[in-house]
Amino acid sequence: MPTPLSPHNPRIELVRDLRTPKVRRERGRFVFEGPTLLAEATGSGLRIEELYGTEVALAAHAELVAGLEAAGTPVFAVAERTLARLSDVETPPGLIAVAAQPAGDTATILERAGPVLLLAGINDPGNAGTLLRSAEAFGAAGVLFGRGGVDPFAPKVIRAAMGSLFRLPVAAVTPEELLEAAQRAGRPVVAATLDGEPLSTARLPENAILAIGNERHGVSGFLARWDRAVRIEQASATESLNAAVAGSILLYAMSLRR
């Protein structure tokens, strides 16, 4: 049975504070919203530490809520106005979950089979979430988020990833850490650039770290050097591809050649 909470309960502000990257890092926790992501999380084995919802939403998803309560997750009922204060979206879906950030370690990710995706200075959460989905779909070993870019546990990233963040290992890394770890693991860094080898003829290593940069500064805005570069051929009249599109094409191409 959900426990009712008043708008002034201290738990409310603790959850609200998790909307900021600094607090998420300090506490090692993050929040996400809605029954779809909640089902993805539980199906992926992610332990939900707390669940907050309006009476209407909790009743509408009673079976999912009952399963969480049976597993020991505290469930709290809050007023719609209170939940709106916690939500990151204009129209809150009525359920907000708190979970521990999965432990992510660069060295462990590099030990896994398959290519690794590096988000080299990507700041757009929609692009980051889409790339997470593509990385999972095309068999990447994990995703490394360049420090100074978007936070992997930002609400918009989680929504765009549509559950992939719950299943694919991620870690944050500096440029120096990345290059040192790549050398230790024997993995070449392959950057997506406008002047790289044509993708149609390039033979990309199966264990490559594929670096995708943001659309303004490219990979060079994050990394000082890399081992190889690749480009996606396109009609000369078009602008450069969106980072999420380019990364997805490269991941797909690599999956075909494995």
Protein backbone atom coordinates (compact mmCIF):
# COMPACT_ATOMS: atom_id res chain seq x y z
CA MET A 1 0.00 0.00 0.00
CA PRO A 2 1.55 3.38 -1.03
CA THR A 3 2.42 5.73 1.81
CA PRO A 4 0.90 9.23 1.47
CA LEU A 5 3.39 12.11 1.63
CA SER A 6 2.66 15.75 2.34
CA PRO A 7 4.15 18.40 0.01
CA HIS A 8 6.49 19.44 2.83
CA ASN A 9 7.98 16.01 3.50
CA PRO A 10 11.83 16.21 3.34
CA ARG A 11 11.89 13.36 0.83
CA ILE A 12 10.33 15.64 -1.77
CA GLU A 13 13.25 18.07 -1.84
CA LEU A 14 15.76 15.21 -1.83
CA VAL A 15 14.19 13.88 -5.02
CA ARG A 16 13.91 17.33 -6.56
CA ASP A 17 17.61 17.96 -5.95
CA LEU A 18 18.43 14.95 -8.16
CA ARG A 19 17.48 17.03 -11.18
CA THR A 20 20.95 18.64 -11.00
CA PRO A 21 24.11 16.86 -12.29
CA LYS A 22 26.16 17.82 -9.23
CA VAL A 23 23.75 16.20 -6.79
CA ARG A 24 23.39 13.11 -8.98
CA ARG A 25 27.17 12.65 -8.97
CA GLU A 26 27.47 13.23 -5.23
CA ARG A 27 24.70 10.81 -4.30
CA GLY A 28 25.20 8.30 -7.09
CA ARG A 29 21.46 8.38 -7.76
CA PHE A 30 19.23 9.46 -10.63
CA VAL A 31 15.53 9.83 -11.40
CA PHE A 32 13.37 8.89 -14.36
CA GLU A 33 9.69 9.16 -15.15
CA GLY A 34 6.79 7.22 -16.55
CA PRO A 35 5.48 3.65 -16.67
CA THR A 36 7.30 2.75 -19.90
CA LEU A 37 10.76 3.52 -18.53
CA LEU A 38 9.80 1.99 -15.19
CA ALA A 39 8.90 -1.28 -16.91
CA GLU A 40 12.14 -1.15 -18.93
CA ALA A 41 14.16 -0.59 -15.77
CA THR A 42 12.59 -3.43 -13.79
CA GLY A 43 12.80 -5.75 -16.78
CA SER A 44 16.50 -4.93 -17.08
CA GLY A 45 17.13 -5.81 -13.44
CA LEU A 46 17.66 -2.26 -12.21
CA ARG A 47 16.66 -1.95 -8.57
CA ILE A 48 14.21 0.85 -7.92
CA GLU A 49 15.00 2.46 -4.57
CA GLU A 50 11.89 4.66 -4.31
CA LEU A 51 8.77 5.29 -6.37
CA TYR A 52 6.60 8.41 -6.21
CA GLY A 53 3.28 8.74 -7.96
CA THR A 54 -0.11 10.37 -8.00
CA GLU A 55 -3.04 8.28 -6.81
CA VAL A 56 -4.39 8.13 -10.36
CA ALA A 57 -1.08 6.91 -11.85
CA LEU A 58 -0.45 4.40 -9.07
CA ALA A 59 -3.93 2.93 -9.56
CA ALA A 60 -3.56 2.84 -13.35
CA HIS A 61 -0.34 0.82 -13.04
CA ALA A 62 -1.29 -1.18 -9.99
CA GLU A 63 0.30 -4.43 -11.18
CA LEU A 64 3.66 -2.80 -11.85
CA VAL A 65 3.50 -0.95 -8.53
CA ALA A 66 2.55 -4.10 -6.63
CA GLY A 67 5.54 -5.92 -8.10
CA LEU A 68 7.87 -3.19 -6.90
CA GLU A 69 6.33 -3.18 -3.42
CA ALA A 70 6.71 -6.96 -3.25
CA ALA A 71 10.40 -6.52 -4.12
CA GLY A 72 10.81 -4.10 -1.22
CA THR A 73 10.61 -0.74 -3.01
CA PRO A 74 9.00 2.01 -0.89
CA VAL A 75 6.10 3.57 -2.80
CA PHE A 76 4.80 7.04 -1.95
CA ALA A 77 1.59 8.75 -3.04
CA VAL A 78 1.86 12.49 -3.68
CA ALA A 79 -0.45 15.20 -4.92
CA GLU A 80 -0.38 16.11 -8.61
CA ARG A 81 1.03 19.54 -7.82
CA THR A 82 3.81 17.98 -5.76
CA LEU A 83 4.71 15.53 -8.50
CA ALA A 84 4.78 18.38 -11.03
CA ARG A 85 7.49 20.04 -8.89
CA LEU A 86 9.58 16.88 -9.17
CA SER A 87 9.00 16.34 -12.88
CA ASP A 88 11.30 17.40 -15.70
CA VAL A 89 8.55 17.44 -18.35
CA GLU A 90 5.70 19.80 -19.11
CA THR A 91 3.06 17.08 -18.80
CA PRO A 92 4.21 14.69 -16.04
CA PRO A 93 3.33 11.03 -16.58
CA GLY A 94 2.52 10.58 -12.89
CA LEU A 95 5.32 8.22 -11.80
CA ILE A 96 8.86 9.15 -10.76
CA ALA A 97 11.44 6.54 -9.78
CA VAL A 98 14.75 6.88 -7.95
CA ALA A 99 17.55 4.41 -8.63
CA ALA A 100 21.27 4.05 -7.98
CA GLN A 101 23.51 4.82 -10.93
CA PRO A 102 24.87 1.53 -12.30
CA ALA A 103 28.57 1.21 -11.56
CA GLY A 104 30.50 2.15 -14.69
CA ASP A 105 34.24 1.73 -15.17
CA THR A 106 36.20 2.59 -18.30
CA ALA A 107 38.65 -0.31 -17.99
CA THR A 108 35.84 -2.83 -17.49
CA ILE A 109 33.97 -1.54 -20.54
CA LEU A 110 37.12 -1.79 -22.66
CA GLU A 111 37.53 -5.42 -21.60
CA ARG A 112 34.15 -6.34 -23.11
CA ALA A 113 33.83 -7.68 -26.65
CA GLY A 114 32.78 -5.34 -29.41
CA PRO A 115 33.39 -1.70 -30.30
CA VAL A 116 33.08 1.06 -27.72
CA LEU A 117 31.35 4.35 -28.46
CA LEU A 118 32.93 7.57 -27.20
CA LEU A 119 30.78 10.70 -26.98
CA ALA A 120 33.60 13.20 -27.46
CA GLY A 121 32.14 16.45 -26.18
CA ILE A 122 28.53 15.85 -27.17
CA ASN A 123 26.28 18.23 -25.25
CA ASP A 124 22.85 17.55 -26.71
CA PRO A 125 20.93 15.06 -24.52
CA GLY A 126 18.71 13.94 -27.40
CA ASN A 127 21.74 13.02 -29.50
CA ALA A 128 23.35 11.24 -26.54
CA GLY A 129 20.23 9.20 -25.82
CA THR A 130 19.80 8.25 -29.48
CA LEU A 131 23.43 7.14 -29.65
CA LEU A 132 22.92 4.98 -26.56
CA ARG A 133 20.01 3.24 -28.31
CA SER A 134 22.07 2.71 -31.46
CA ALA A 135 25.05 1.45 -29.45
CA GLU A 136 22.88 -1.20 -27.83
CA ALA A 137 21.12 -2.09 -31.09
CA PHE A 138 24.35 -2.60 -33.01
CA GLY A 139 26.28 -4.55 -30.38
CA ALA A 140 28.61 -2.00 -28.77
CA ALA A 141 30.40 -3.08 -25.61
CA GLY A 142 29.52 0.17 -23.85
CA VAL A 143 29.50 3.94 -24.11
CA LEU A 144 32.03 6.40 -22.71
CA PHE A 145 30.82 9.93 -22.01
CA GLY A 146 33.47 12.62 -22.32
CA ARG A 147 33.63 14.74 -19.16
CA GLY A 148 32.43 18.26 -19.77
CA GLY A 149 29.72 17.01 -22.09
CA VAL A 150 26.21 15.84 -21.34
CA ASP A 151 25.56 13.83 -18.15
CA PRO A 152 24.54 10.24 -19.03
CA PHE A 153 21.94 10.31 -16.25
CA ALA A 154 20.30 13.58 -17.29
CA PRO A 155 16.52 13.11 -17.58
CA LYS A 156 16.43 13.98 -21.30
CA VAL A 157 19.20 11.48 -22.05
CA ILE A 158 17.31 8.76 -20.21
CA ARG A 159 14.10 9.50 -22.11
CA ALA A 160 15.87 9.52 -25.48
CA ALA A 161 17.72 6.28 -24.67
CA MET A 162 14.39 4.49 -24.10
CA GLY A 163 15.80 1.93 -21.66
CA SER A 164 19.22 1.35 -23.24
CA LEU A 165 20.92 3.15 -20.35
CA PHE A 166 19.58 0.46 -18.01
CA ARG A 167 21.28 -2.33 -19.97
CA LEU A 168 24.42 -0.87 -21.57
CA PRO A 169 27.41 -0.02 -19.34
CA VAL A 170 28.48 3.63 -19.38
CA ALA A 171 31.28 5.61 -17.76
CA ALA A 172 32.57 9.18 -17.78
CA VAL A 173 36.13 9.81 -18.94
CA THR A 174 38.57 12.68 -19.54
CA PRO A 175 40.60 12.88 -22.78
CA GLU A 176 43.76 11.83 -20.98
CA GLU A 177 42.05 8.91 -19.24
CA LEU A 178 40.57 7.76 -22.53
CA LEU A 179 43.84 7.74 -24.44
CA GLU A 180 45.72 6.00 -21.63
CA ALA A 181 43.00 3.37 -21.18
CA ALA A 182 42.79 2.76 -24.93
CA GLN A 183 46.54 2.16 -25.12
CA ARG A 184 46.46 -0.26 -22.17
CA ALA A 185 43.54 -2.16 -23.69
CA GLY A 186 45.09 -2.25 -27.16
CA ARG A 187 42.09 -0.52 -28.70
CA PRO A 188 42.58 1.98 -31.55
CA VAL A 189 40.65 5.25 -31.40
CA VAL A 190 38.77 5.91 -34.63
CA ALA A 191 37.41 9.43 -34.99
CA ALA A 192 34.50 10.46 -37.19
CA THR A 193 35.82 13.48 -39.13
CA LEU A 194 35.09 15.26 -42.39
CA ASP A 195 38.52 14.39 -43.83
CA GLY A 196 38.83 10.74 -42.75
CA GLU A 197 38.92 7.59 -44.86
CA PRO A 198 35.69 6.94 -46.77
CA LEU A 199 33.48 4.57 -44.82
CA SER A 200 32.79 2.54 -47.97
CA THR A 201 36.43 1.44 -48.21
CA ALA A 202 37.70 1.79 -44.63
CA ARG A 203 38.42 -1.43 -42.75
CA LEU A 204 37.54 -0.52 -39.18
CA PRO A 205 38.96 -2.70 -36.37
CA GLU A 206 36.32 -4.71 -34.51
CA ASN A 207 37.68 -3.47 -31.18
CA ALA A 208 37.75 0.21 -32.15
CA ILE A 209 36.77 3.05 -29.85
CA LEU A 210 34.53 5.05 -32.16
CA ALA A 211 34.69 8.76 -31.27
CA ILE A 212 31.75 10.98 -32.24
CA GLY A 213 32.17 14.70 -31.59
CA ASN A 214 29.66 17.51 -31.39
CA GLU A 215 28.54 19.21 -34.58
CA ARG A 216 30.33 22.48 -33.91
CA HIS A 217 33.82 21.44 -32.80
CA GLY A 218 33.96 17.81 -33.84
CA VAL A 219 36.15 15.23 -32.11
CA SER A 220 39.08 17.67 -31.97
CA GLY A 221 37.17 19.74 -29.44
CA PHE A 222 37.66 16.88 -26.98
CA LEU A 223 40.58 14.71 -28.13
CA ALA A 224 44.04 15.95 -29.07
CA ARG A 225 44.83 12.87 -31.16
CA TRP A 226 43.45 9.58 -32.46
CA ASP A 227 44.72 6.59 -34.42
CA ARG A 228 42.49 6.69 -37.48
CA ALA A 229 39.69 8.77 -38.93
CA VAL A 230 36.66 7.85 -41.00
CA ARG A 231 34.02 9.83 -42.81
CA ILE A 232 30.60 9.09 -44.23
CA GLU A 233 30.44 9.99 -47.91
CA GLN A 234 27.55 12.27 -48.80
CA ALA A 235 26.43 14.65 -51.51
CA SER A 236 28.60 17.77 -51.46
CA ALA A 237 25.60 20.08 -51.31
CA THR A 238 24.44 18.78 -47.94
CA GLU A 239 25.60 19.91 -44.53
CA SER A 240 27.41 17.58 -42.13
CA LEU A 241 25.23 14.93 -40.56
CA ASN A 242 23.70 15.22 -37.12
CA ALA A 243 25.97 13.55 -34.53
CA ALA A 244 23.37 10.93 -33.63
CA VAL A 245 22.75 10.08 -37.29
CA ALA A 246 26.44 9.86 -38.12
CA GLY A 247 27.24 7.74 -35.07
CA SER A 248 24.35 5.40 -35.77
CA ILE A 249 25.43 4.89 -39.38
CA LEU A 250 28.99 4.11 -38.31
CA LEU A 251 27.86 1.69 -35.60
CA TYR A 252 25.61 -0.09 -38.08
CA ALA A 253 28.39 -0.31 -40.65
CA MET A 254 30.73 -1.80 -38.06
CA SER A 255 28.10 -4.35 -37.05
CA LEU A 256 27.77 -5.52 -40.67
CA ARG A 257 31.51 -6.14 -40.93
CA ARG A 258 31.90 -8.11 -37.73
